[in-house]
Amino acid sequence: MSTKGIYTALSGAIAQNAKLDTIANNIANSSTAGFKKDQQVFKEYLTANEKYPDNIQVPRVTASIESFYDNQGGDRGYVDSAGTFTDFSQGSLKQTGNKFDLALEGKGFFEIMTPNGVKFTRDGAFHLSHDGKLVNKEGFAVLRSGNQDPAQRSIQIPNAHSTIAYNGEIYSGGQLAAKLSIVEFQNPDVLKKMGNSMYSIKEKMNPVMSIAENAKVHQGSIETSNVNIVQEMTDMINATRVFESTQKAIKAFDEMNAKLVNDVPKLR
């Protein structure tokens, strides 16, 4: 019985360790523009519930106490880490004074052309390249809306004295130069993080993507991380305490096993 318990406690310790890693990553990126926090998801794994009916063992011997109390693994429960999910809730907007810093309010992502194809981001810390193209911090082109090949949708801004409207339209010298491509996903869970606050579409996913009609662009601002430091620190303290409790449980089960092996045989 103690052997089953030690593995249950061990699975809990592993789960809390994964949660601590997620919280630490959130805290490390609390000042990263456009960063969206992650949360760890757990579920209880019940051995018997995971079996198909054909796999349930039926005693083929004379009924006994052992077979009568056979729980088919129902007495075994484990903590199963189901992975993480990204919280895409809105971050606060911070004014920077840089006219090409663009913050999104509402649902939506900027499209960015990278060497590995089109990626998506909420980080609007943009600037003009030496040849007048609107690019992100890594120098990748910010895309304008349109049906052309993404490689042909870079934004050329002839005049640095440009204004950008709430709907993403860029005006240079009083003339419409381009309109930012801002898209949204019916289910944002199809996105996976690629680093540098950029996302790509998960493999074997068919996302429903459309123009983010209700998104607002704020010129001269950036969207900050949606990480709440106080909440993350509280979660870290709680996770640490649970981790310590599982360690104590593991130690207790280990001591029980030691007594079963070393002390019980001496009583016979």
Protein backbone atom coordinates (compact mmCIF):
# COMPACT_ATOMS: atom_id res chain seq x y z
CA MET A 1 0.00 0.00 0.00
CA SER A 2 2.83 2.38 0.85
CA THR A 3 4.43 1.71 -2.53
CA LYS A 4 1.32 3.03 -4.29
CA GLY A 5 1.26 6.09 -2.04
CA ILE A 6 4.85 7.08 -2.68
CA TYR A 7 4.27 7.25 -6.41
CA THR A 8 1.17 9.37 -5.91
CA ALA A 9 3.15 11.79 -3.76
CA LEU A 10 6.02 11.76 -6.26
CA SER A 11 3.69 12.67 -9.12
CA GLY A 12 2.43 15.59 -7.04
CA ALA A 13 5.97 16.81 -6.44
CA ILE A 14 6.77 16.63 -10.16
CA ALA A 15 3.59 18.55 -10.97
CA GLN A 16 4.39 21.33 -8.50
CA ASN A 17 7.94 21.54 -9.85
CA ALA A 18 6.51 22.10 -13.35
CA LYS A 19 4.20 24.78 -11.96
CA LEU A 20 7.16 26.54 -10.32
CA ASP A 21 9.00 26.55 -13.65
CA THR A 22 5.99 28.15 -15.35
CA ILE A 23 5.63 30.79 -12.65
CA ALA A 24 9.37 31.58 -12.82
CA ASN A 25 9.10 32.11 -16.58
CA ASN A 26 6.13 34.44 -16.10
CA ILE A 27 8.02 36.51 -13.55
CA ALA A 28 11.13 36.66 -15.76
CA ASN A 29 9.00 38.09 -18.59
CA SER A 30 6.93 40.49 -16.50
CA SER A 31 8.60 43.46 -18.22
CA THR A 32 8.53 41.96 -21.75
CA ALA A 33 6.26 43.93 -24.07
CA GLY A 34 3.31 41.93 -25.35
CA PHE A 35 4.12 38.88 -23.23
CA LYS A 36 1.19 36.66 -22.23
CA LYS A 37 1.47 34.59 -19.07
CA ASP A 38 1.15 30.81 -18.99
CA GLN A 39 -0.66 28.67 -16.46
CA GLN A 40 -0.04 25.03 -15.60
CA VAL A 41 -2.95 22.62 -15.93
CA PHE A 42 -3.27 19.47 -13.81
CA LYS A 43 -5.76 16.64 -13.73
CA GLU A 44 -6.20 13.55 -11.60
CA TYR A 45 -5.25 10.34 -13.34
CA LEU A 46 -7.32 7.40 -12.11
CA THR A 47 -5.88 4.09 -13.28
CA ALA A 48 -9.16 2.21 -13.45
CA ASN A 49 -10.92 4.98 -15.37
CA GLU A 50 -8.25 4.86 -18.06
CA LYS A 51 -8.82 1.18 -18.81
CA TYR A 52 -11.01 -0.17 -21.59
CA PRO A 53 -13.71 -2.62 -20.44
CA ASP A 54 -11.92 -5.43 -22.29
CA ASN A 55 -8.85 -4.86 -20.11
CA ILE A 56 -10.61 -5.21 -16.77
CA GLN A 57 -9.20 -8.31 -15.09
CA VAL A 58 -11.70 -10.92 -13.95
CA PRO A 59 -10.48 -13.47 -11.40
CA ARG A 60 -10.27 -16.94 -12.90
CA VAL A 61 -9.46 -18.67 -9.62
CA THR A 62 -11.47 -19.60 -6.57
CA ALA A 63 -12.88 -16.51 -4.92
CA SER A 64 -10.56 -15.16 -2.27
CA ILE A 65 -10.19 -12.12 -0.07
CA GLU A 66 -7.60 -10.73 -2.49
CA SER A 67 -9.83 -11.08 -5.54
CA PHE A 68 -12.87 -9.76 -3.66
CA TYR A 69 -11.06 -6.55 -2.79
CA ASP A 70 -9.38 -6.19 -6.17
CA ASN A 71 -9.98 -2.54 -7.08
CA GLN A 72 -8.65 -2.89 -10.63
CA GLY A 73 -6.29 -0.02 -9.95
CA GLY A 74 -9.10 2.22 -8.68
CA ASP A 75 -7.13 2.89 -5.51
CA ARG A 76 -4.30 4.42 -7.51
CA GLY A 77 -4.51 8.13 -8.24
CA TYR A 78 -1.82 10.28 -9.78
CA VAL A 79 -1.37 13.93 -10.59
CA ASP A 80 -1.06 14.26 -14.34
CA SER A 81 0.38 17.45 -15.82
CA ALA A 82 -1.79 18.29 -18.82
CA GLY A 83 0.63 21.02 -19.94
CA THR A 84 0.22 24.78 -19.99
CA PHE A 85 -2.17 27.19 -21.60
CA THR A 86 -1.58 30.84 -22.47
CA ASP A 87 -3.73 33.57 -20.95
CA PHE A 88 -4.32 36.08 -23.76
CA SER A 89 -6.02 38.68 -21.58
CA GLN A 90 -5.26 42.34 -22.24
CA GLY A 91 -2.13 43.91 -20.79
CA SER A 92 -2.01 47.55 -19.76
CA LEU A 93 -0.90 50.22 -22.24
CA LYS A 94 2.23 52.26 -21.60
CA GLN A 95 3.08 55.47 -23.43
CA THR A 96 6.62 55.63 -24.82
CA GLY A 97 6.65 58.70 -27.06
CA ASN A 98 8.07 56.65 -29.94
CA LYS A 99 5.65 57.19 -32.82
CA PHE A 100 6.27 53.71 -34.23
CA ASP A 101 5.54 51.95 -30.96
CA LEU A 102 2.06 50.50 -31.48
CA ALA A 103 -0.12 48.95 -28.79
CA LEU A 104 -3.14 46.78 -29.51
CA GLU A 105 -6.31 47.16 -27.50
CA GLY A 106 -8.68 44.22 -27.86
CA LYS A 107 -8.23 40.92 -29.65
CA GLY A 108 -5.72 40.64 -32.45
CA PHE A 109 -2.11 40.11 -33.49
CA PHE A 110 0.27 41.92 -35.80
CA GLU A 111 1.55 39.81 -38.70
CA ILE A 112 5.35 39.64 -38.97
CA MET A 113 7.32 38.21 -41.90
CA THR A 114 10.23 36.12 -40.64
CA PRO A 115 12.71 33.82 -42.42
CA ASN A 116 10.50 30.95 -41.19
CA GLY A 117 7.27 32.38 -42.54
CA VAL A 118 4.54 34.58 -41.09
CA LYS A 119 4.41 34.84 -37.30
CA PHE A 120 2.12 36.73 -34.97
CA THR A 121 2.82 39.10 -32.10
CA ARG A 122 1.31 41.58 -29.66
CA ASP A 123 4.68 43.30 -29.21
CA GLY A 124 4.36 46.53 -31.18
CA ALA A 125 7.83 47.95 -30.48
CA PHE A 126 8.48 48.83 -34.14
CA HIS A 127 10.82 51.19 -35.94
CA LEU A 128 11.84 52.19 -39.46
CA SER A 129 14.71 50.35 -41.11
CA HIS A 130 17.40 52.17 -43.09
CA ASP A 131 15.35 51.71 -46.27
CA GLY A 132 12.10 53.02 -44.77
CA LYS A 133 10.37 49.73 -43.95
CA LEU A 134 8.41 49.22 -40.77
CA VAL A 135 10.12 46.40 -38.84
CA ASN A 136 10.12 44.87 -35.37
CA LYS A 137 13.02 44.68 -32.90
CA GLU A 138 14.59 41.76 -34.77
CA GLY A 139 14.39 43.62 -38.08
CA PHE A 140 11.55 41.49 -39.49
CA ALA A 141 9.01 43.24 -41.67
CA VAL A 142 5.62 44.22 -40.26
CA LEU A 143 2.95 43.27 -42.80
CA ARG A 144 0.12 45.29 -44.26
CA SER A 145 -3.31 43.89 -45.01
CA GLY A 146 -3.97 42.39 -48.41
CA ASN A 147 -4.26 39.16 -50.36
CA GLN A 148 -0.80 39.25 -51.92
CA ASP A 149 2.10 36.97 -51.11
CA PRO A 150 3.21 37.86 -47.53
CA ALA A 151 6.71 38.52 -48.87
CA GLN A 152 5.18 41.35 -50.93
CA ARG A 153 3.23 42.90 -48.06
CA SER A 154 5.97 44.81 -46.25
CA ILE A 155 5.13 48.40 -45.27
CA GLN A 156 7.15 51.16 -46.91
CA ILE A 157 6.83 54.51 -45.16
CA PRO A 158 8.34 57.38 -47.19
CA ASN A 159 7.91 59.98 -44.46
CA ALA A 160 8.99 59.52 -40.87
CA HIS A 161 6.37 62.08 -39.85
CA SER A 162 3.52 59.61 -40.11
CA THR A 163 0.35 59.10 -38.17
CA ILE A 164 -1.40 55.82 -37.47
CA ALA A 165 -5.14 55.70 -36.90
CA TYR A 166 -7.00 53.51 -34.43
CA ASN A 167 -8.03 51.21 -37.28
CA GLY A 168 -4.40 50.59 -38.28
CA GLU A 169 -4.31 52.90 -41.30
CA ILE A 170 -0.92 54.58 -41.77
CA TYR A 171 -0.91 58.11 -43.21
CA SER A 172 2.26 59.69 -44.51
CA GLY A 173 2.21 63.24 -45.84
CA GLY A 174 -1.57 63.23 -45.58
CA GLN A 175 -1.82 60.21 -47.89
CA LEU A 176 -2.82 56.66 -46.99
CA ALA A 177 0.41 54.64 -47.20
CA ALA A 178 -0.81 51.26 -45.91
CA LYS A 179 -3.01 49.52 -43.39
CA LEU A 180 -1.57 47.23 -40.77
CA SER A 181 -2.52 43.57 -40.98
CA ILE A 182 -4.13 42.75 -37.63
CA VAL A 183 -5.71 39.31 -37.40
CA GLU A 184 -7.55 37.39 -34.73
CA PHE A 185 -8.20 33.69 -34.18
CA GLN A 186 -11.49 32.11 -33.26
CA ASN A 187 -9.54 29.82 -30.95
CA PRO A 188 -6.21 31.35 -29.84
CA ASP A 189 -5.16 27.98 -28.41
CA VAL A 190 -4.00 27.07 -31.93
CA LEU A 191 -1.01 29.35 -31.31
CA LYS A 192 2.27 28.30 -29.75
CA LYS A 193 5.02 30.51 -28.40
CA MET A 194 8.18 30.91 -30.49
CA GLY A 195 10.10 33.28 -28.22
CA ASN A 196 10.48 37.06 -28.43
CA SER A 197 6.72 37.41 -27.84
CA MET A 198 5.96 35.83 -31.22
CA TYR A 199 3.60 32.97 -32.02
CA SER A 200 3.19 30.44 -34.79
CA ILE A 201 0.35 28.07 -35.59
CA LYS A 202 0.61 24.63 -34.03
CA GLU A 203 1.22 21.71 -36.36
CA LYS A 204 -1.81 19.88 -37.76
CA MET A 205 -4.08 22.77 -36.77
CA ASN A 206 -6.55 24.48 -39.10
CA PRO A 207 -7.11 27.86 -37.47
CA VAL A 208 -10.11 30.05 -38.21
CA MET A 209 -8.44 33.42 -38.79
CA SER A 210 -10.06 36.74 -39.68
CA ILE A 211 -9.36 40.47 -39.70
CA ALA A 212 -9.53 41.91 -36.18
CA GLU A 213 -12.17 44.52 -36.93
CA ASN A 214 -12.58 45.65 -33.32
CA ALA A 215 -8.90 45.96 -32.43
CA LYS A 216 -7.63 49.48 -31.76
CA VAL A 217 -4.08 50.64 -32.48
CA HIS A 218 -2.57 53.17 -30.08
CA GLN A 219 0.36 55.05 -31.58
CA GLY A 220 3.21 55.96 -29.27
CA SER A 221 2.41 53.20 -26.77
CA ILE A 222 3.18 49.55 -26.16
CA GLU A 223 1.19 46.82 -24.46
CA THR A 224 2.93 45.59 -21.35
CA SER A 225 2.95 42.03 -20.06
CA ASN A 226 -0.27 40.78 -18.49
CA VAL A 227 1.71 39.19 -15.65
CA ASN A 228 0.59 40.25 -12.17
CA ILE A 229 3.73 40.04 -10.05
CA VAL A 230 1.86 39.92 -6.74
CA GLN A 231 -0.35 37.05 -7.94
CA GLU A 232 2.63 35.15 -9.36
CA MET A 233 4.59 35.51 -6.12
CA THR A 234 1.57 34.29 -4.15
CA ASP A 235 1.21 31.30 -6.47
CA MET A 236 4.93 30.58 -6.11
CA ILE A 237 4.69 30.53 -2.32
CA ASN A 238 1.67 28.21 -2.44
CA ALA A 239 3.34 25.88 -4.95
CA THR A 240 6.50 25.78 -2.83
CA ARG A 241 4.53 24.82 0.26
CA VAL A 242 2.69 22.06 -1.59
CA PHE A 243 6.01 20.81 -2.99
CA GLU A 244 7.46 20.69 0.52
CA SER A 245 4.38 18.78 1.73
CA THR A 246 4.76 16.15 -0.98
CA GLN A 247 8.43 15.78 -0.06
CA LYS A 248 7.42 15.06 3.54
CA ALA A 249 4.85 12.53 2.29
CA ILE A 250 7.49 10.80 0.16
CA LYS A 251 9.82 10.64 3.16
CA ALA A 252 7.03 9.18 5.32
CA PHE A 253 6.21 6.49 2.75
CA ASP A 254 9.90 5.69 2.41
CA GLU A 255 10.19 5.19 6.17
CA MET A 256 7.11 2.92 6.11
CA ASN A 257 8.68 0.81 3.36
CA ALA A 258 11.90 0.57 5.35
CA LYS A 259 10.01 -0.74 8.40
CA LEU A 260 8.12 -3.27 6.27
CA VAL A 261 11.39 -4.57 4.89
CA ASN A 262 13.56 -4.46 8.00
CA ASP A 263 11.30 -4.68 11.06
CA VAL A 264 8.21 -6.73 10.11
CA PRO A 265 10.15 -9.92 9.18
CA LYS A 266 11.77 -9.88 12.64
CA LEU A 267 8.35 -10.19 14.28
CA ARG A 268 7.66 -13.58 12.70
